[in-house]
């Protein structure tokens, strides 16, 4: 997405109040392969925002449900002007890795499935949902991650279904963007 295509979102974000202390938090949520990371890169380029990629902290292929509470802990710290901390995940070693530190910033973008979870919404200034058909999402995800993701596609998709049924992030989104 070209930078000029972010103009309306930049204006929308500017009109929102911080909900996480003095930090505006924008969540970019959607199912795997919906284009969240590429979209987030453009949004960050257009706004200069800091970013927290949830891929850095999901605790493995079975860890989607554990992630929103971890992010809530990070945001609770940011909301009071402190550095939020979460364990980084090593996908290569399949174990926790170094600490990920998120300092308060004027604008923070959360990038990942689960970023629009109910537990996180009190901290969000804006929730963006990205939509794409299942076949397109699967093609994108497997092109991006190849053989690494292929054996886990169904496991991850089942966790997404559970998350969507419980939290309804698309229905709570301020903006829905087809990708």
N, C-alpha and C. Protein backbone atom coordinates (compact mmCIF):
# COMPACT_ATOMS: atom_id res chain seq x y z
N UNK A 1 0.85 -1.17 0.00
CA UNK A 1 0.00 0.00 0.00
C UNK A 1 0.89 1.24 0.00
N UNK A 2 0.67 2.12 -0.94
CA UNK A 2 1.46 3.34 -1.04
C UNK A 2 1.20 4.25 0.16
N UNK A 3 2.20 5.06 0.50
CA UNK A 3 2.06 5.93 1.68
C UNK A 3 0.83 6.82 1.61
N UNK A 4 0.50 7.36 0.42
CA UNK A 4 -0.67 8.24 0.31
C UNK A 4 -1.96 7.51 0.66
N UNK A 5 -1.97 6.18 0.55
CA UNK A 5 -3.16 5.42 0.88
C UNK A 5 -3.37 5.33 2.40
N UNK A 6 -2.36 5.72 3.14
CA UNK A 6 -2.47 5.73 4.60
C UNK A 6 -2.96 7.07 5.13
N UNK A 7 -3.11 8.06 4.27
CA UNK A 7 -3.46 9.42 4.71
C UNK A 7 -4.71 9.44 5.59
N UNK A 8 -5.76 8.75 5.18
CA UNK A 8 -7.01 8.76 5.95
C UNK A 8 -6.80 8.12 7.33
N UNK A 9 -5.99 7.05 7.38
CA UNK A 9 -5.70 6.42 8.68
C UNK A 9 -4.85 7.32 9.56
N UNK A 10 -3.88 8.00 8.97
CA UNK A 10 -3.05 8.92 9.73
C UNK A 10 -3.94 10.01 10.34
N UNK A 11 -4.88 10.53 9.57
CA UNK A 11 -5.81 11.54 10.08
C UNK A 11 -6.70 10.97 11.18
N UNK A 12 -7.18 9.75 10.98
CA UNK A 12 -8.04 9.11 11.98
C UNK A 12 -7.27 8.91 13.29
N UNK A 13 -6.05 8.44 13.19
CA UNK A 13 -5.21 8.24 14.39
C UNK A 13 -4.97 9.58 15.09
N UNK A 14 -4.71 10.62 14.32
CA UNK A 14 -4.47 11.95 14.90
C UNK A 14 -5.67 12.45 15.69
N UNK A 15 -6.87 12.05 15.26
CA UNK A 15 -8.09 12.49 15.93
C UNK A 15 -8.42 11.67 17.18
N UNK A 16 -7.74 10.55 17.39
CA UNK A 16 -8.02 9.68 18.54
C UNK A 16 -7.23 10.13 19.76
N UNK A 17 -7.79 9.86 20.92
CA UNK A 17 -7.12 10.15 22.18
C UNK A 17 -6.31 8.93 22.62
N UNK A 18 -5.21 9.15 23.33
CA UNK A 18 -4.48 8.02 23.89
C UNK A 18 -5.36 7.28 24.90
N UNK A 19 -5.29 5.96 24.88
CA UNK A 19 -6.04 5.14 25.83
C UNK A 19 -5.09 4.32 26.71
N UNK A 20 -3.80 4.49 26.50
CA UNK A 20 -2.78 3.74 27.21
C UNK A 20 -1.80 4.75 27.81
N UNK A 21 -2.24 5.44 28.87
CA UNK A 21 -1.44 6.54 29.40
C UNK A 21 -1.38 7.62 28.35
N UNK A 22 -0.19 8.05 28.00
CA UNK A 22 -0.04 9.07 26.96
C UNK A 22 0.26 8.45 25.59
N UNK A 23 0.14 7.13 25.49
CA UNK A 23 0.42 6.41 24.25
C UNK A 23 -0.87 6.06 23.52
N UNK A 24 -0.91 6.40 22.22
CA UNK A 24 -1.98 5.90 21.36
C UNK A 24 -1.54 4.53 20.87
N UNK A 25 -2.42 3.54 21.03
CA UNK A 25 -2.12 2.19 20.57
C UNK A 25 -3.09 1.84 19.44
N UNK A 26 -2.51 1.44 18.32
CA UNK A 26 -3.29 1.00 17.16
C UNK A 26 -3.03 -0.49 16.99
N UNK A 27 -4.09 -1.29 16.99
CA UNK A 27 -3.96 -2.72 16.77
C UNK A 27 -4.27 -3.04 15.32
N UNK A 28 -3.41 -3.84 14.71
CA UNK A 28 -3.63 -4.34 13.35
C UNK A 28 -3.81 -5.85 13.48
N UNK A 29 -5.06 -6.27 13.41
CA UNK A 29 -5.42 -7.66 13.64
C UNK A 29 -5.96 -8.27 12.35
N UNK A 30 -6.03 -9.56 12.31
CA UNK A 30 -6.54 -10.31 11.16
C UNK A 30 -5.95 -11.70 11.21
N UNK A 31 -6.53 -12.59 10.46
CA UNK A 31 -6.05 -13.98 10.47
C UNK A 31 -4.69 -14.07 9.77
N UNK A 32 -4.03 -15.18 10.01
CA UNK A 32 -2.71 -15.42 9.42
C UNK A 32 -2.78 -15.28 7.91
N UNK A 33 -1.83 -14.54 7.35
CA UNK A 33 -1.76 -14.35 5.91
C UNK A 33 -2.64 -13.23 5.39
N UNK A 34 -3.26 -12.47 6.28
CA UNK A 34 -4.14 -11.38 5.82
C UNK A 34 -3.36 -10.13 5.42
N UNK A 35 -2.07 -10.10 5.67
CA UNK A 35 -1.25 -8.97 5.26
C UNK A 35 -0.94 -7.98 6.36
N UNK A 36 -1.06 -8.40 7.61
CA UNK A 36 -0.87 -7.50 8.75
C UNK A 36 0.52 -6.87 8.80
N UNK A 37 1.55 -7.69 8.63
CA UNK A 37 2.91 -7.18 8.78
C UNK A 37 3.27 -6.20 7.67
N UNK A 38 2.90 -6.51 6.43
CA UNK A 38 3.17 -5.58 5.33
C UNK A 38 2.37 -4.29 5.52
N UNK A 39 1.12 -4.41 5.92
CA UNK A 39 0.29 -3.24 6.17
C UNK A 39 0.89 -2.41 7.31
N UNK A 40 1.30 -3.08 8.38
CA UNK A 40 1.90 -2.39 9.52
C UNK A 40 3.16 -1.65 9.11
N UNK A 41 3.98 -2.25 8.27
CA UNK A 41 5.20 -1.58 7.81
C UNK A 41 4.86 -0.26 7.12
N UNK A 42 3.84 -0.25 6.30
CA UNK A 42 3.42 0.99 5.65
C UNK A 42 2.87 2.00 6.62
N UNK A 43 2.10 1.52 7.59
CA UNK A 43 1.53 2.42 8.60
C UNK A 43 2.63 3.04 9.46
N UNK A 44 3.61 2.24 9.83
CA UNK A 44 4.74 2.73 10.62
C UNK A 44 5.54 3.75 9.80
N UNK A 45 5.74 3.48 8.52
CA UNK A 45 6.45 4.44 7.66
C UNK A 45 5.69 5.75 7.55
N UNK A 46 4.37 5.68 7.52
CA UNK A 46 3.54 6.89 7.38
C UNK A 46 3.42 7.68 8.67
N UNK A 47 3.60 7.01 9.82
CA UNK A 47 3.36 7.67 11.11
C UNK A 47 4.59 7.82 11.99
N UNK A 48 5.62 7.04 11.74
CA UNK A 48 6.79 7.04 12.62
C UNK A 48 6.55 6.30 13.92
N UNK A 49 5.50 5.48 13.97
CA UNK A 49 5.13 4.76 15.19
C UNK A 49 6.17 3.71 15.57
N UNK A 50 6.19 3.39 16.85
CA UNK A 50 6.91 2.21 17.33
C UNK A 50 6.00 1.01 17.03
N UNK A 51 6.57 -0.19 16.98
CA UNK A 51 5.76 -1.36 16.66
C UNK A 51 6.12 -2.53 17.57
N UNK A 52 5.11 -3.28 17.95
CA UNK A 52 5.28 -4.53 18.68
C UNK A 52 4.69 -5.62 17.80
N UNK A 53 5.56 -6.46 17.24
CA UNK A 53 5.13 -7.59 16.42
C UNK A 53 4.83 -8.75 17.35
N UNK A 54 3.59 -9.18 17.39
CA UNK A 54 3.23 -10.29 18.25
C UNK A 54 3.96 -11.57 17.88
N UNK A 55 4.39 -11.69 16.61
CA UNK A 55 5.20 -12.85 16.20
C UNK A 55 6.44 -13.00 17.08
N UNK A 56 6.91 -11.89 17.63
CA UNK A 56 8.10 -11.94 18.48
C UNK A 56 7.83 -12.55 19.85
N UNK A 57 6.55 -12.61 20.24
CA UNK A 57 6.27 -13.08 21.61
C UNK A 57 5.29 -14.24 21.70
N UNK A 58 4.60 -14.61 20.60
CA UNK A 58 3.75 -15.81 20.70
C UNK A 58 4.60 -16.93 21.26
N UNK A 59 4.14 -17.60 22.32
CA UNK A 59 4.96 -18.70 22.87
C UNK A 59 4.75 -20.00 22.08
N UNK A 60 5.21 -20.00 20.84
CA UNK A 60 5.16 -21.19 20.00
C UNK A 60 3.85 -21.35 19.25
N UNK A 61 3.77 -22.47 18.53
CA UNK A 61 2.64 -22.74 17.65
C UNK A 61 1.34 -22.98 18.38
N UNK A 62 1.38 -23.21 19.67
CA UNK A 62 0.17 -23.44 20.47
C UNK A 62 -0.09 -22.29 21.43
N UNK A 63 0.53 -21.13 21.20
CA UNK A 63 0.51 -20.07 22.19
C UNK A 63 -0.36 -18.86 21.91
N UNK A 64 -1.27 -18.93 20.95
CA UNK A 64 -2.07 -17.74 20.65
C UNK A 64 -2.86 -17.26 21.86
N UNK A 65 -3.52 -18.15 22.58
CA UNK A 65 -4.35 -17.74 23.72
C UNK A 65 -3.55 -17.08 24.84
N UNK A 66 -2.29 -17.44 24.97
CA UNK A 66 -1.45 -16.88 26.03
C UNK A 66 -0.94 -15.49 25.70
N UNK A 67 -1.02 -15.09 24.44
CA UNK A 67 -0.39 -13.85 24.01
C UNK A 67 -1.13 -12.58 24.44
N UNK A 68 -2.45 -12.45 24.25
CA UNK A 68 -3.10 -11.20 24.67
C UNK A 68 -2.87 -10.85 26.15
N UNK A 69 -2.92 -11.80 27.08
CA UNK A 69 -2.61 -11.41 28.47
C UNK A 69 -1.18 -10.89 28.65
N UNK A 70 -0.22 -11.46 27.91
CA UNK A 70 1.16 -10.94 27.97
C UNK A 70 1.21 -9.51 27.45
N UNK A 71 0.53 -9.27 26.33
CA UNK A 71 0.52 -7.92 25.75
C UNK A 71 -0.19 -6.95 26.70
N UNK A 72 -1.24 -7.41 27.36
CA UNK A 72 -1.93 -6.55 28.34
C UNK A 72 -0.97 -6.13 29.45
N UNK A 73 -0.11 -7.04 29.89
CA UNK A 73 0.89 -6.69 30.90
C UNK A 73 1.87 -5.65 30.39
N UNK A 74 2.29 -5.79 29.14
CA UNK A 74 3.18 -4.80 28.52
C UNK A 74 2.49 -3.44 28.50
N UNK A 75 1.23 -3.41 28.02
CA UNK A 75 0.51 -2.14 27.90
C UNK A 75 0.18 -1.53 29.25
N UNK A 76 -0.07 -2.36 30.26
CA UNK A 76 -0.32 -1.82 31.60
C UNK A 76 0.91 -1.05 32.10
N UNK A 77 2.10 -1.56 31.80
CA UNK A 77 3.32 -0.85 32.19
C UNK A 77 3.48 0.44 31.39
N UNK A 78 3.28 0.36 30.08
CA UNK A 78 3.39 1.54 29.22
C UNK A 78 2.40 2.62 29.67
N UNK A 79 1.21 2.19 30.08
CA UNK A 79 0.16 3.14 30.49
C UNK A 79 0.57 3.99 31.69
N UNK A 80 1.47 3.47 32.51
CA UNK A 80 1.93 4.24 33.68
C UNK A 80 3.33 4.80 33.46
N UNK A 81 3.75 4.84 32.19
CA UNK A 81 5.03 5.46 31.85
C UNK A 81 6.24 4.59 32.06
N UNK A 82 6.03 3.30 32.23
CA UNK A 82 7.15 2.37 32.43
C UNK A 82 7.39 1.54 31.18
N UNK A 83 8.53 0.91 31.11
CA UNK A 83 8.85 0.03 29.99
C UNK A 83 8.12 -1.30 30.20
N UNK A 84 7.37 -1.70 29.18
CA UNK A 84 6.71 -3.01 29.22
C UNK A 84 7.68 -4.09 28.81
N UNK A 85 7.56 -5.24 29.45
CA UNK A 85 8.50 -6.34 29.20
C UNK A 85 7.72 -7.62 28.94
N UNK A 86 8.17 -8.38 27.95
CA UNK A 86 7.60 -9.69 27.65
C UNK A 86 8.73 -10.60 27.18
N UNK A 87 8.57 -11.90 27.38
CA UNK A 87 9.59 -12.81 26.86
C UNK A 87 9.49 -12.93 25.35
N UNK A 88 10.61 -12.76 24.69
CA UNK A 88 10.68 -12.98 23.25
C UNK A 88 10.65 -14.50 23.03
N UNK A 89 10.18 -14.96 21.87
CA UNK A 89 10.14 -16.39 21.58
C UNK A 89 11.12 -16.72 20.47
N UNK A 90 11.92 -17.74 20.68
CA UNK A 90 12.82 -18.23 19.64
C UNK A 90 12.10 -19.33 18.88
N UNK A 91 11.71 -19.02 17.65
CA UNK A 91 11.04 -20.01 16.80
C UNK A 91 12.02 -21.10 16.36
N UNK A 92 13.30 -20.77 16.26
CA UNK A 92 14.31 -21.74 15.85
C UNK A 92 14.53 -22.78 16.95
N UNK A 93 14.65 -22.31 18.19
CA UNK A 93 14.90 -23.22 19.32
C UNK A 93 13.61 -23.70 19.99
N UNK A 94 12.47 -23.08 19.62
CA UNK A 94 11.17 -23.42 20.20
C UNK A 94 11.19 -23.29 21.73
N UNK A 95 11.66 -22.10 22.17
CA UNK A 95 11.74 -21.83 23.61
C UNK A 95 11.82 -20.32 23.83
N UNK A 96 11.54 -19.89 25.07
CA UNK A 96 11.67 -18.46 25.36
C UNK A 96 13.10 -17.99 25.09
N UNK A 97 13.19 -16.74 24.71
CA UNK A 97 14.49 -16.14 24.40
C UNK A 97 14.66 -14.87 25.22
N UNK A 98 15.41 -13.94 24.71
CA UNK A 98 15.69 -12.70 25.43
C UNK A 98 14.42 -11.90 25.69
N UNK A 99 14.55 -10.98 26.59
CA UNK A 99 13.46 -10.10 26.98
C UNK A 99 13.17 -9.08 25.87
N UNK A 100 11.91 -8.84 25.60
CA UNK A 100 11.51 -7.80 24.67
C UNK A 100 11.03 -6.62 25.51
N UNK A 101 11.57 -5.44 25.22
CA UNK A 101 11.25 -4.25 26.02
C UNK A 101 10.52 -3.24 25.14
N UNK A 102 9.39 -2.74 25.64
CA UNK A 102 8.56 -1.79 24.90
C UNK A 102 8.44 -0.50 25.73
N UNK A 103 9.19 0.53 25.38
CA UNK A 103 9.10 1.79 26.13
C UNK A 103 7.85 2.57 25.72
N UNK A 104 7.38 3.45 26.59
CA UNK A 104 6.27 4.33 26.20
C UNK A 104 6.68 5.14 24.97
N UNK A 105 5.72 5.39 24.10
CA UNK A 105 5.95 6.15 22.88
C UNK A 105 4.66 6.90 22.56
N UNK A 106 4.73 7.94 21.78
CA UNK A 106 3.50 8.64 21.42
C UNK A 106 2.51 7.74 20.67
N UNK A 107 3.05 6.84 19.81
CA UNK A 107 2.19 5.96 19.02
C UNK A 107 2.85 4.58 18.94
N UNK A 108 2.08 3.56 19.28
CA UNK A 108 2.54 2.17 19.25
C UNK A 108 1.56 1.37 18.42
N UNK A 109 2.08 0.61 17.46
CA UNK A 109 1.25 -0.27 16.64
C UNK A 109 1.49 -1.70 17.08
N UNK A 110 0.40 -2.41 17.37
CA UNK A 110 0.45 -3.85 17.65
C UNK A 110 0.15 -4.58 16.36
N UNK A 111 1.02 -5.48 15.96
CA UNK A 111 0.88 -6.21 14.70
C UNK A 111 0.75 -7.69 15.00
N UNK A 112 -0.47 -8.24 14.82
CA UNK A 112 -0.59 -9.68 14.96
C UNK A 112 -1.97 -10.15 15.34
N UNK A 113 -2.20 -11.42 15.07
CA UNK A 113 -3.44 -12.07 15.47
C UNK A 113 -3.54 -11.98 16.99
N UNK A 114 -4.65 -11.51 17.47
CA UNK A 114 -4.86 -11.38 18.92
C UNK A 114 -4.70 -9.95 19.41
N UNK A 115 -4.22 -9.05 18.55
CA UNK A 115 -4.01 -7.67 19.00
C UNK A 115 -5.31 -6.92 19.25
N UNK A 116 -6.42 -7.46 18.77
CA UNK A 116 -7.73 -6.85 19.03
C UNK A 116 -8.52 -7.58 20.09
N UNK A 117 -7.83 -8.37 20.91
CA UNK A 117 -8.49 -9.16 21.96
C UNK A 117 -9.21 -8.28 22.97
N UNK A 118 -10.25 -8.82 23.54
CA UNK A 118 -11.05 -8.11 24.53
C UNK A 118 -10.19 -7.52 25.64
N UNK A 119 -9.23 -8.28 26.15
CA UNK A 119 -8.38 -7.83 27.25
C UNK A 119 -7.52 -6.62 26.86
N UNK A 120 -7.30 -6.43 25.55
CA UNK A 120 -6.45 -5.33 25.09
C UNK A 120 -7.24 -4.08 24.71
N UNK A 121 -8.51 -4.23 24.43
CA UNK A 121 -9.30 -3.10 23.92
C UNK A 121 -9.31 -1.86 24.81
N UNK A 122 -9.27 -1.98 26.13
CA UNK A 122 -9.24 -0.75 26.94
C UNK A 122 -8.00 0.11 26.66
N UNK A 123 -6.95 -0.47 26.12
CA UNK A 123 -5.71 0.26 25.83
C UNK A 123 -5.65 0.81 24.40
N UNK A 124 -6.60 0.40 23.55
CA UNK A 124 -6.53 0.73 22.13
C UNK A 124 -7.20 2.05 21.80
N UNK A 125 -6.52 2.82 20.98
CA UNK A 125 -7.12 4.02 20.41
C UNK A 125 -7.81 3.70 19.09
N UNK A 126 -7.35 2.64 18.42
CA UNK A 126 -7.91 2.26 17.13
C UNK A 126 -7.64 0.78 16.89
N UNK A 127 -8.65 0.08 16.38
CA UNK A 127 -8.51 -1.33 16.01
C UNK A 127 -8.80 -1.45 14.52
N UNK A 128 -7.81 -1.96 13.79
CA UNK A 128 -7.92 -2.19 12.35
C UNK A 128 -7.95 -3.69 12.12
N UNK A 129 -8.93 -4.16 11.36
CA UNK A 129 -9.04 -5.57 11.01
C UNK A 129 -8.75 -5.73 9.52
N UNK A 130 -7.84 -6.64 9.18
CA UNK A 130 -7.54 -6.94 7.78
C UNK A 130 -8.21 -8.25 7.40
N UNK A 131 -8.89 -8.24 6.26
CA UNK A 131 -9.65 -9.38 5.77
C UNK A 131 -9.10 -9.87 4.45
N UNK A 132 -9.02 -11.18 4.28
CA UNK A 132 -8.66 -11.78 3.00
C UNK A 132 -9.28 -13.17 2.96
N UNK A 133 -9.62 -13.65 1.77
CA UNK A 133 -10.17 -15.00 1.65
C UNK A 133 -9.17 -16.06 2.15
N UNK A 134 -9.69 -17.18 2.63
CA UNK A 134 -8.86 -18.24 3.21
C UNK A 134 -7.78 -18.73 2.24
N UNK A 135 -8.13 -18.93 0.97
CA UNK A 135 -7.14 -19.45 0.02
C UNK A 135 -6.01 -18.44 -0.22
N UNK A 136 -6.34 -17.16 -0.24
CA UNK A 136 -5.33 -16.11 -0.41
C UNK A 136 -4.43 -16.06 0.83
N UNK A 137 -5.04 -16.11 2.01
CA UNK A 137 -4.27 -16.07 3.25
C UNK A 137 -3.30 -17.24 3.33
N UNK A 138 -3.79 -18.42 3.02
CA UNK A 138 -2.94 -19.61 3.10
C UNK A 138 -1.77 -19.51 2.11
N UNK A 139 -2.05 -19.08 0.89
CA UNK A 139 -0.99 -18.91 -0.11
C UNK A 139 0.06 -17.92 0.37
N UNK A 140 -0.39 -16.80 0.90
CA UNK A 140 0.55 -15.78 1.40
C UNK A 140 1.40 -16.32 2.54
N UNK A 141 0.74 -16.97 3.51
CA UNK A 141 1.46 -17.47 4.68
C UNK A 141 2.48 -18.53 4.30
N UNK A 142 2.10 -19.43 3.40
CA UNK A 142 3.04 -20.48 3.01
C UNK A 142 4.14 -19.94 2.12
N UNK A 143 3.85 -18.92 1.32
CA UNK A 143 4.90 -18.28 0.52
C UNK A 143 5.90 -17.57 1.44
N UNK A 144 5.38 -16.97 2.50
CA UNK A 144 6.22 -16.24 3.45
C UNK A 144 7.06 -17.19 4.30
N UNK A 145 6.41 -18.21 4.87
CA UNK A 145 7.08 -19.07 5.84
C UNK A 145 7.37 -20.49 5.34
N UNK A 146 6.84 -20.83 4.17
CA UNK A 146 7.12 -22.11 3.54
C UNK A 146 6.90 -23.32 4.42
N UNK A 147 7.87 -24.21 4.38
CA UNK A 147 7.74 -25.48 5.09
C UNK A 147 7.70 -25.32 6.60
N UNK A 148 8.15 -24.18 7.10
CA UNK A 148 8.12 -23.95 8.54
C UNK A 148 6.69 -23.89 9.06
N UNK A 149 5.82 -23.20 8.32
CA UNK A 149 4.44 -22.98 8.77
C UNK A 149 3.50 -24.10 8.32
N UNK A 150 3.77 -24.72 7.19
CA UNK A 150 2.85 -25.70 6.60
C UNK A 150 2.34 -26.75 7.60
N UNK A 151 3.19 -27.38 8.40
CA UNK A 151 2.67 -28.40 9.31
C UNK A 151 1.80 -27.83 10.44
N UNK A 152 1.87 -26.53 10.64
CA UNK A 152 1.16 -25.91 11.76
C UNK A 152 -0.06 -25.10 11.33
N UNK A 153 -0.31 -25.02 10.02
CA UNK A 153 -1.41 -24.19 9.52
C UNK A 153 -2.72 -24.53 10.22
N UNK A 154 -3.09 -25.79 10.27
CA UNK A 154 -4.37 -26.19 10.86
C UNK A 154 -4.40 -25.96 12.37
N UNK A 155 -3.29 -26.19 13.03
CA UNK A 155 -3.21 -25.96 14.48
C UNK A 155 -3.42 -24.48 14.77
N UNK A 156 -2.74 -23.62 14.00
CA UNK A 156 -2.86 -22.18 14.21
C UNK A 156 -4.27 -21.69 13.85
N UNK A 157 -4.81 -22.20 12.74
CA UNK A 157 -6.15 -21.79 12.29
C UNK A 157 -7.21 -22.16 13.34
N UNK A 158 -7.05 -23.28 14.00
CA UNK A 158 -7.99 -23.68 15.05
C UNK A 158 -7.92 -22.70 16.23
N UNK A 159 -6.73 -22.27 16.58
CA UNK A 159 -6.59 -21.28 17.65
C UNK A 159 -7.21 -19.94 17.24
N UNK A 160 -7.03 -19.57 15.97
CA UNK A 160 -7.67 -18.35 15.47
C UNK A 160 -9.19 -18.45 15.58
N UNK A 161 -9.74 -19.60 15.22
CA UNK A 161 -11.20 -19.80 15.32
C UNK A 161 -11.67 -19.61 16.76
N UNK A 162 -10.95 -20.17 17.70
CA UNK A 162 -11.30 -20.04 19.11
C UNK A 162 -11.25 -18.57 19.54
N UNK A 163 -10.19 -17.88 19.13
CA UNK A 163 -10.04 -16.46 19.45
C UNK A 163 -11.17 -15.63 18.84
N UNK A 164 -11.46 -15.86 17.56
CA UNK A 164 -12.51 -15.10 16.88
C UNK A 164 -13.88 -15.33 17.52
N UNK A 165 -14.17 -16.57 17.90
CA UNK A 165 -15.45 -16.89 18.51
C UNK A 165 -15.61 -16.25 19.89
N UNK A 166 -14.52 -16.13 20.61
CA UNK A 166 -14.57 -15.58 21.97
C UNK A 166 -14.50 -14.05 21.99
N UNK A 167 -13.68 -13.46 21.12
CA UNK A 167 -13.39 -12.03 21.23
C UNK A 167 -14.02 -11.16 20.14
N UNK A 168 -14.41 -11.73 19.03
CA UNK A 168 -15.08 -11.00 17.95
C UNK A 168 -14.35 -9.72 17.53
N UNK A 169 -13.05 -9.81 17.24
CA UNK A 169 -12.30 -8.58 16.93
C UNK A 169 -12.80 -7.86 15.68
N UNK A 170 -13.22 -8.60 14.66
CA UNK A 170 -13.68 -7.94 13.44
C UNK A 170 -14.90 -7.06 13.73
N UNK A 171 -15.79 -7.56 14.56
CA UNK A 171 -17.00 -6.80 14.89
C UNK A 171 -16.70 -5.56 15.72
N UNK A 172 -15.58 -5.56 16.42
CA UNK A 172 -15.20 -4.42 17.26
C UNK A 172 -14.24 -3.47 16.55
N UNK A 173 -13.84 -3.82 15.33
CA UNK A 173 -12.87 -3.00 14.61
C UNK A 173 -13.46 -1.65 14.23
N UNK A 174 -12.62 -0.64 14.33
CA UNK A 174 -12.98 0.71 13.89
C UNK A 174 -12.90 0.80 12.38
N UNK A 175 -11.98 0.03 11.79
CA UNK A 175 -11.75 0.03 10.35
C UNK A 175 -11.54 -1.41 9.91
N UNK A 176 -12.22 -1.81 8.82
CA UNK A 176 -12.03 -3.13 8.22
C UNK A 176 -11.50 -2.90 6.81
N UNK A 177 -10.36 -3.54 6.52
CA UNK A 177 -9.72 -3.35 5.22
C UNK A 177 -9.56 -4.69 4.53
N UNK A 178 -10.18 -4.85 3.34
CA UNK A 178 -9.95 -6.07 2.58
C UNK A 178 -8.56 -6.02 1.95
N UNK A 179 -7.84 -7.12 2.04
CA UNK A 179 -6.49 -7.16 1.46
C UNK A 179 -6.41 -8.21 0.39
